[in-house]
Protein backbone atom coordinates (compact mmCIF):
# COMPACT_ATOMS: atom_id res chain seq x y z
CA MET A 1 122.26 37.66 141.72
CA PHE A 2 120.76 38.89 145.01
CA PRO A 3 123.74 41.18 145.86
CA ALA A 4 123.43 42.64 142.37
CA PHE A 5 119.70 43.21 142.90
CA ARG A 6 120.36 44.92 146.22
CA SER A 7 122.97 47.20 144.61
CA MET A 8 120.45 48.24 141.98
CA ARG A 9 118.10 49.43 144.72
CA GLN A 10 120.74 51.55 146.43
CA VAL A 11 120.95 55.28 145.78
CA ARG A 12 123.76 57.70 146.56
CA VAL A 13 122.83 61.15 147.85
CA SER A 14 124.78 63.95 146.20
CA ASP A 15 127.04 66.48 147.91
CA GLU A 16 128.57 69.85 147.02
CA SER A 17 131.18 68.20 144.76
CA HIS A 18 128.57 66.57 142.53
CA ARG A 19 128.77 67.45 138.82
CA VAL A 20 126.71 66.67 135.73
CA THR A 21 127.13 63.08 134.50
CA THR A 22 127.33 61.79 130.95
CA PHE A 23 124.03 59.98 131.50
CA GLU A 24 122.30 63.31 132.10
CA LEU A 25 123.73 64.60 128.83
CA PHE A 26 122.46 61.44 127.14
CA PHE A 27 119.03 62.00 128.71
CA ASP A 28 118.97 65.54 127.30
CA LEU A 29 119.38 64.32 123.72
CA VAL A 30 115.67 63.50 123.69
CA PHE A 31 114.91 67.15 124.42
CA VAL A 32 117.13 68.32 121.56
CA PHE A 33 114.81 66.44 119.24
CA ALA A 34 111.73 67.67 121.12
CA PHE A 35 112.73 71.36 120.88
CA THR A 36 113.30 70.89 117.14
CA GLN A 37 109.84 69.38 116.84
CA VAL A 38 108.28 72.37 118.62
CA THR A 39 109.87 74.85 116.21
CA GLY A 40 108.83 72.67 113.28
CA PHE A 41 105.26 72.53 114.61
CA MET A 42 105.00 76.32 114.88
CA ALA A 43 106.60 76.85 111.48
CA HIS A 44 104.12 74.42 109.91
CA GLU A 45 101.08 75.98 111.59
CA HIS A 46 102.33 79.53 110.92
CA THR A 47 99.47 81.17 112.85
CA GLY A 48 99.12 82.94 116.17
CA LEU A 49 97.17 79.98 117.52
CA GLY A 50 99.89 77.63 116.31
CA VAL A 51 102.52 79.65 118.18
CA LEU A 52 100.39 79.51 121.34
CA GLN A 53 100.02 75.73 120.97
CA GLY A 54 103.75 75.42 120.40
CA MET A 55 104.44 77.37 123.59
CA ILE A 56 102.07 75.08 125.50
CA ILE A 57 103.96 72.05 124.21
CA LEU A 58 107.24 73.74 125.14
CA GLY A 59 105.91 74.37 128.66
CA ILE A 60 104.99 70.71 129.02
CA LEU A 61 108.46 69.69 127.80
CA TRP A 62 110.06 72.13 130.22
CA TRP A 63 108.10 70.76 133.15
CA SER A 64 109.16 67.26 132.09
CA TRP A 65 112.83 68.25 132.00
CA VAL A 66 112.94 70.44 135.07
CA CYS A 67 111.61 67.82 137.47
CA TYR A 68 114.51 65.53 136.51
CA SER A 69 116.99 68.35 137.11
CA TRP A 70 115.91 68.29 140.76
CA LEU A 71 116.21 64.51 140.89
CA ALA A 72 119.71 64.61 139.37
CA ASN A 73 120.86 67.07 142.02
CA GLN A 74 119.49 64.88 144.79
CA THR A 75 121.19 61.66 143.71
CA HIS A 76 123.59 60.13 141.19
CA VAL A 77 121.18 59.32 138.39
CA ASP A 78 123.73 57.24 136.46
CA GLU A 79 123.58 54.47 139.05
CA GLY A 80 121.20 51.69 140.04
CA ILE A 81 117.44 51.86 139.80
CA VAL A 82 117.45 55.60 139.13
CA ARG A 83 119.33 55.03 135.87
CA LEU A 84 116.80 52.37 134.84
CA GLY A 85 113.90 54.64 135.72
CA MET A 86 115.30 57.57 133.77
CA SER A 87 115.86 55.28 130.80
CA LEU A 88 112.16 54.47 130.90
CA ALA A 89 111.37 58.18 131.13
CA MET A 90 113.58 58.79 128.08
CA MET A 91 111.55 56.30 126.07
CA ALA A 92 108.27 57.89 127.10
CA MET A 93 109.61 61.39 126.40
CA PHE A 94 110.80 60.37 122.96
CA ILE A 95 107.34 58.98 122.17
CA ALA A 96 105.86 62.31 123.27
CA ALA A 97 108.34 64.17 121.05
CA LEU A 98 107.43 61.96 118.07
CA THR A 99 103.77 62.92 118.43
CA ILE A 100 104.33 66.70 118.61
CA PRO A 101 103.39 67.26 114.93
CA GLU A 102 99.94 65.81 115.70
CA ALA A 103 99.66 66.92 119.32
CA PHE A 104 96.70 69.16 118.42
CA HIS A 105 95.66 67.70 115.06
CA ASP A 106 95.46 63.92 114.94
CA MET A 107 96.55 62.41 111.64
CA ALA A 108 94.35 59.89 109.88
CA GLY A 109 95.13 56.31 110.81
CA GLY A 110 97.16 55.02 113.70
CA LEU A 111 96.73 55.93 117.37
CA ASP A 112 95.21 59.13 118.68
CA GLY A 113 98.15 61.60 118.59
CA PRO A 114 97.01 64.03 121.33
CA LEU A 115 96.15 61.18 123.70
CA VAL A 116 99.49 59.42 123.11
CA PHE A 117 101.31 62.68 123.87
CA ALA A 118 99.31 63.26 127.05
CA LEU A 119 99.78 59.70 128.33
CA ALA A 120 103.49 59.69 127.52
CA TYR A 121 103.86 62.94 129.48
CA PHE A 122 102.00 61.40 132.41
CA VAL A 123 104.35 58.40 132.39
CA VAL A 124 107.39 60.72 132.43
CA ARG A 125 106.03 62.58 135.45
CA LEU A 126 104.86 59.46 137.26
CA VAL A 127 108.26 57.79 136.90
CA HIS A 128 109.88 60.93 138.30
CA ILE A 129 107.71 60.88 141.42
CA GLY A 130 108.55 57.24 142.06
CA LEU A 131 112.28 57.77 141.55
CA TYR A 132 112.32 60.86 143.77
CA LEU A 133 110.70 58.95 146.62
CA VAL A 134 113.40 56.31 146.29
CA ALA A 135 116.16 58.94 146.03
CA ALA A 136 114.90 60.72 149.16
CA GLY A 137 115.94 57.66 151.19
CA ASP A 138 115.67 58.32 154.92
CA ASP A 139 115.02 62.04 154.44
CA VAL A 140 111.44 62.05 155.75
CA PRO A 141 110.79 65.81 155.22
CA LEU A 142 111.89 65.48 151.58
CA ARG A 143 109.65 62.45 151.03
CA ARG A 144 106.71 64.39 152.43
CA GLN A 145 107.55 67.30 150.15
CA VAL A 146 107.60 65.05 147.09
CA ILE A 147 104.22 63.54 148.01
CA LYS A 148 102.78 67.01 148.69
CA THR A 149 103.91 68.41 145.36
CA SER A 150 102.77 65.32 143.45
CA SER A 151 99.23 66.68 143.81
CA ALA A 152 100.18 69.35 141.26
CA MET A 153 101.37 66.71 138.79
CA PHE A 154 98.24 64.58 139.10
CA THR A 155 95.94 67.61 138.78
CA GLY A 156 97.73 69.03 135.75
CA SER A 157 98.08 65.67 134.01
CA ALA A 158 94.39 64.86 134.56
CA ILE A 159 93.37 68.12 132.88
CA ILE A 160 95.78 67.54 129.97
CA ILE A 161 94.55 63.96 129.43
CA THR A 162 90.95 65.21 129.58
CA GLY A 163 91.77 67.83 126.96
CA ALA A 164 93.21 65.14 124.67
CA LEU A 165 90.02 63.11 125.05
CA VAL A 166 87.76 66.12 124.42
CA GLY A 167 89.79 67.27 121.42
CA GLY A 168 88.75 69.99 119.01
CA SER A 169 89.23 73.68 119.72
CA SER A 170 88.75 73.08 123.45
CA GLN A 171 91.93 71.01 123.68
CA THR A 172 94.17 74.07 123.52
CA TRP A 173 92.49 75.65 126.52
CA PHE A 174 92.39 72.40 128.49
CA TRP A 175 96.12 71.94 127.95
CA LEU A 176 96.86 75.55 128.84
CA ALA A 177 94.78 75.17 132.02
CA GLY A 178 96.49 71.87 132.88
CA LEU A 179 99.96 73.34 132.45
CA ALA A 180 99.02 76.45 134.43
CA ALA A 181 97.54 74.32 137.23
CA ASP A 182 100.69 72.18 137.43
CA ILE A 183 103.01 75.21 137.45
CA THR A 184 100.92 77.16 139.98
CA LEU A 185 100.28 74.29 142.39
CA THR A 186 103.92 73.24 142.26
CA TYR A 187 104.96 76.73 143.31
CA LEU A 188 102.37 76.95 146.06
CA THR A 189 103.28 73.55 147.50
CA SER A 190 107.01 74.30 147.23
CA ALA A 191 107.06 77.74 148.89
CA GLY A 192 109.03 77.40 152.12
CA GLY A 193 109.22 73.65 151.51
CA ASN A 194 111.85 71.00 152.09
CA TRP A 195 113.53 70.65 148.71
CA ARG A 196 117.29 70.03 148.59
CA VAL A 197 119.94 71.53 146.30
CA HIS A 198 123.06 69.63 147.30
CA SER A 199 125.43 70.99 144.65
CA ALA A 200 125.37 74.57 143.37
CA ALA A 201 127.90 73.73 140.64
CA HIS A 202 125.79 70.84 139.35
CA TRP A 203 122.64 72.94 139.46
CA ALA A 204 124.08 75.87 137.52
CA GLU A 205 125.77 73.58 135.00
CA ARG A 206 122.56 71.62 134.46
CA TYR A 207 120.56 74.71 133.56
CA GLY A 208 123.40 76.07 131.48
CA LEU A 209 123.27 72.89 129.43
CA VAL A 210 119.55 73.23 128.73
CA VAL A 211 120.19 76.77 127.51
CA ILE A 212 122.83 75.28 125.19
CA LEU A 213 120.22 72.79 123.95
CA ALA A 214 117.84 75.62 123.11
CA LEU A 215 120.60 77.59 121.39
CA GLY A 216 121.48 74.43 119.47
CA GLU A 217 117.91 74.42 118.21
CA SER A 218 118.42 77.98 116.95
CA ILE A 219 121.44 76.77 114.95
CA ILE A 220 119.42 73.86 113.56
CA SER A 221 116.71 76.33 112.53
CA ILE A 222 119.22 78.15 110.34
CA GLY A 223 119.85 74.92 108.45
CA VAL A 224 116.15 74.10 108.24
CA GLY A 225 115.27 77.55 106.95
CA ALA A 226 117.99 77.37 104.29
CA SER A 227 117.31 73.79 103.22
CA GLU A 228 116.10 72.96 99.72
CA ARG A 229 117.40 76.30 98.40
CA PRO A 230 120.51 76.89 96.30
CA VAL A 231 123.42 78.59 98.03
CA SER A 232 123.38 82.33 97.34
CA THR A 233 124.88 85.53 98.65
CA LEU A 234 121.64 86.30 100.49
CA MET A 235 121.66 82.86 102.11
CA ILE A 236 125.26 83.21 103.26
CA LEU A 237 124.53 86.64 104.71
CA GLY A 238 121.40 85.31 106.41
CA ALA A 239 123.39 82.42 107.91
CA VAL A 240 125.99 84.87 109.21
CA PHE A 241 123.28 87.00 110.84
CA GLY A 242 121.54 83.92 112.30
CA VAL A 243 124.67 82.33 113.75
CA GLY A 244 125.82 85.76 114.93
CA LEU A 245 122.55 86.20 116.82
CA SER A 246 123.00 82.78 118.46
CA VAL A 247 126.53 83.75 119.50
CA CYS A 248 125.19 86.95 121.08
CA LEU A 249 122.51 85.04 122.98
CA TRP A 250 125.15 82.60 124.21
CA TRP A 251 127.45 85.45 125.25
CA LEU A 252 124.76 87.26 127.20
CA TYR A 253 124.06 84.18 129.32
CA PHE A 254 127.38 82.41 129.71
CA ASP A 255 130.01 85.14 129.65
CA VAL A 256 129.16 86.53 133.11
CA LEU A 257 125.50 86.02 134.06
CA ALA A 258 125.65 82.24 134.59
CA ILE A 259 128.96 82.46 136.46
CA ALA A 260 127.82 85.23 138.81
CA ALA A 261 124.55 83.42 139.53
CA GLU A 262 126.40 80.21 140.39
CA HIS A 263 128.57 82.15 142.87
CA VAL A 264 125.46 83.52 144.61
CA LEU A 265 123.83 80.08 144.71
CA ALA A 266 127.00 78.51 146.15
CA ARG A 267 127.05 80.99 149.04
CA LEU A 268 123.52 80.06 150.12
CA ARG A 269 122.49 77.04 152.18
CA GLY A 270 119.32 75.17 153.04
CA ARG A 271 115.96 76.70 152.22
CA ALA A 272 117.48 79.95 150.97
CA ARG A 273 119.35 78.00 148.27
CA SER A 274 116.37 75.87 147.27
CA ALA A 275 114.11 78.96 147.13
CA LEU A 276 116.53 80.66 144.75
CA ALA A 277 116.74 77.48 142.67
CA VAL A 278 112.94 77.36 142.40
CA ASP A 279 112.42 81.02 141.52
CA ALA A 280 115.43 81.86 139.37
CA TYR A 281 115.99 78.55 137.60
CA THR A 282 112.88 76.36 137.63
CA TYR A 283 110.52 79.23 136.84
CA LEU A 284 112.43 82.16 135.32
CA HIS A 285 114.38 79.94 132.93
CA LEU A 286 111.13 78.92 131.23
CA PRO A 287 110.56 82.33 129.54
CA LEU A 288 114.29 82.41 128.79
CA ILE A 289 114.06 79.10 126.89
CA ALA A 290 110.79 80.17 125.27
CA GLY A 291 112.51 83.31 124.02
CA VAL A 292 115.26 81.28 122.35
CA VAL A 293 112.77 78.93 120.70
CA LEU A 294 110.62 81.81 119.45
CA SER A 295 113.63 83.65 118.05
CA ALA A 296 114.69 80.39 116.36
CA LEU A 297 111.26 80.27 114.71
CA GLY A 298 111.82 83.83 113.48
CA VAL A 299 115.27 82.97 112.10
CA GLU A 300 113.91 79.89 110.32
CA ASP A 301 111.06 81.94 108.84
CA ALA A 302 113.46 84.66 107.67
CA LEU A 303 115.83 82.24 105.95
CA ALA A 304 112.96 80.40 104.30
CA HIS A 305 111.77 83.66 102.65
CA LEU A 306 115.05 85.46 101.93
CA ASP A 307 114.29 86.15 98.29
CA GLU A 308 110.72 87.37 98.79
CA SER A 309 110.07 91.06 98.14
CA SER A 310 107.03 91.28 100.41
CA GLY A 311 107.36 92.27 104.07
CA TYR A 312 108.51 89.87 106.79
CA GLY A 313 105.02 89.76 108.29
CA TRP A 314 103.72 90.02 111.84
CA LEU A 315 104.29 86.39 112.76
CA GLY A 316 107.93 86.32 111.66
CA ALA A 317 108.74 89.73 113.15
CA GLY A 318 106.87 88.93 116.35
CA ALA A 319 108.72 85.65 116.77
CA LEU A 320 112.18 87.04 115.97
CA LEU A 321 112.04 90.39 117.76
CA GLY A 322 109.53 89.35 120.42
CA GLY A 323 111.36 86.11 121.18
CA THR A 324 114.70 87.89 121.53
CA ALA A 325 113.05 90.54 123.73
CA LEU A 326 111.52 87.82 125.91
CA TYR A 327 114.98 86.24 126.29
CA LEU A 328 116.43 89.56 127.49
CA LEU A 329 113.49 90.27 129.81
CA ALA A 330 113.94 86.83 131.37
CA HIS A 331 117.63 87.64 131.91
CA ALA A 332 116.69 90.86 133.68
CA ALA A 333 114.12 89.13 135.90
CA PHE A 334 116.55 86.28 136.61
CA TRP A 335 119.25 88.66 137.81
CA ARG A 336 116.72 90.72 139.77
CA ARG A 337 115.98 87.57 141.77
CA VAL A 338 119.61 86.47 142.03
CA GLY A 339 121.56 89.71 142.31
CA GLY A 340 118.89 92.05 143.64
CA TYR A 341 118.84 94.62 140.83
CA TRP A 342 117.70 94.98 137.23
CA LYS A 343 119.99 94.74 134.21
CA THR A 344 118.97 98.05 132.63
CA TRP A 345 120.82 97.64 129.32
CA ARG A 346 118.97 94.40 128.64
CA LEU A 347 115.62 95.89 129.64
CA SER A 348 116.23 98.84 127.32
CA THR A 349 117.22 96.61 124.40
CA ALA A 350 114.14 94.44 124.96
CA ALA A 351 111.94 97.55 124.93
CA VAL A 352 113.51 98.69 121.64
CA LEU A 353 112.97 95.27 120.07
CA LEU A 354 109.31 95.20 121.09
CA ALA A 355 108.76 98.73 119.82
CA LEU A 356 110.30 97.82 116.45
CA ILE A 357 108.01 94.82 115.77
CA PRO A 358 105.41 96.83 113.76
CA ALA A 359 108.10 98.39 111.58
CA ALA A 360 110.05 95.13 111.19
CA SER A 361 106.92 93.34 109.94
CA GLY A 362 107.23 95.42 106.78
CA PHE A 363 110.99 94.88 106.37
CA ALA A 364 112.56 92.33 104.07
CA PRO A 365 113.28 89.17 106.16
CA LEU A 366 117.06 89.57 105.80
CA ALA A 367 116.89 93.20 106.95
CA ALA A 368 114.86 92.24 110.03
CA LEU A 369 117.32 89.48 110.90
CA GLY A 370 120.25 91.84 110.43
CA LEU A 371 118.56 94.43 112.65
CA VAL A 372 118.11 92.00 115.56
CA PHE A 373 121.65 90.71 115.21
CA GLY A 374 122.98 94.27 115.14
CA LEU A 375 121.08 95.31 118.28
CA CYS A 376 122.19 92.22 120.22
CA ALA A 377 125.79 92.64 119.07
CA LEU A 378 125.66 96.27 120.19
CA LEU A 379 124.30 95.18 123.58
CA VAL A 380 127.18 92.71 123.99
CA ILE A 381 129.74 95.36 123.09
CA VAL A 382 128.25 97.98 125.43
CA GLU A 383 127.94 95.65 128.43
CA THR A 384 131.40 94.18 127.90
CA SER A 385 132.89 97.68 127.79
CA VAL A 386 130.88 99.33 130.57
CA TYR A 387 131.33 96.44 133.01
CA ALA A 388 134.82 95.39 131.87
CA GLU A 389 136.39 95.57 135.33
CA LYS A 390 133.56 93.74 137.08
CA ARG A 391 133.42 91.16 134.28
CA ALA A 392 137.13 90.42 134.61
CA GLU A 393 136.81 90.06 138.38
CA ILE A 394 133.93 87.56 138.14
CA ARG A 395 135.62 85.47 135.47
CA ARG A 396 138.93 85.54 137.32
CA SER A 397 137.35 84.34 140.57
CA HIS A 398 135.55 81.57 138.71
CA SER A 399 138.78 80.37 137.10
CA ALA A 400 140.50 80.39 140.49
CA ALA A 401 137.73 78.29 141.99
């Protein structure tokens, strides 16, 4: 019994060969459900304030996920006490996801929804801090870094819990302030710090998988938007446009961008690597994920109103075109940090999408969805053609590796 107990306490520090484990994929299943809940929340509220609240919830979910991405790169999370701790975090995160529909509006009866969400989030973050201290082992600078950055978690969580207790219209602004405080203080305490990114391949794969999760939510939204309606020609066409848009979003990230970024990350060492991981992945992937979730909301809204003759409306057009534009802008900023220059075709397409929001609000939902799909498909075709030689070189080198 005692040898078994000692083995549970042991942790294994990762190295450059470390890859994503099946337990991490299992852990992510909770976030699949959570992302779906966020889109459902915004669709139900169907107001600008509801979208803002949904984005706040998404930010809290992101900060819950991203801290465990760092832990999983530091150690093998499918072993020993770390696996047990992450299992506990999964339970707490699932409870938080269950309460998303009443995160800002407590339902009659039962426990206080906003408070349960806030406390569950605090448990997820607290478990992470404890596990990271264990995973740091004899790495004293890393342990100090974890303790230093934990001040951001405690500050942000305290504000979020306070907002849940205060309730009412003030809760939104408390939660926004708490999330902003956590994000800002984490960055300030991490700048030039002692974080470790042991495996570039694991890191890039981990963030690629969370993009897949978000894109999976966009596919689910197609089904949700089309549910409870008879199959029709319009619905089939809308499904083609929606899935086609998801394919384009996948292509723009995974065809070359993710591969090239991994190559850059792999060439770096020490603080230069961890700084890139913080800026390009921990921070700049948040607007990227938000863009996917917002566009998924727009797709769901379009498919739910396919047969309506009135215009798409500002909320639907803003979510669909604005979310897709945000996704492309995040790509451009990501590559500016990684590769040192802007992706001009993506910036231009994002600008066109944003400019078209007023006009698209008066379009039929199917026409607006077809427009966004068409623009993204055109972007894929242009970039694939213009950069064909460079694309082939990057993909060839990745296959050889």
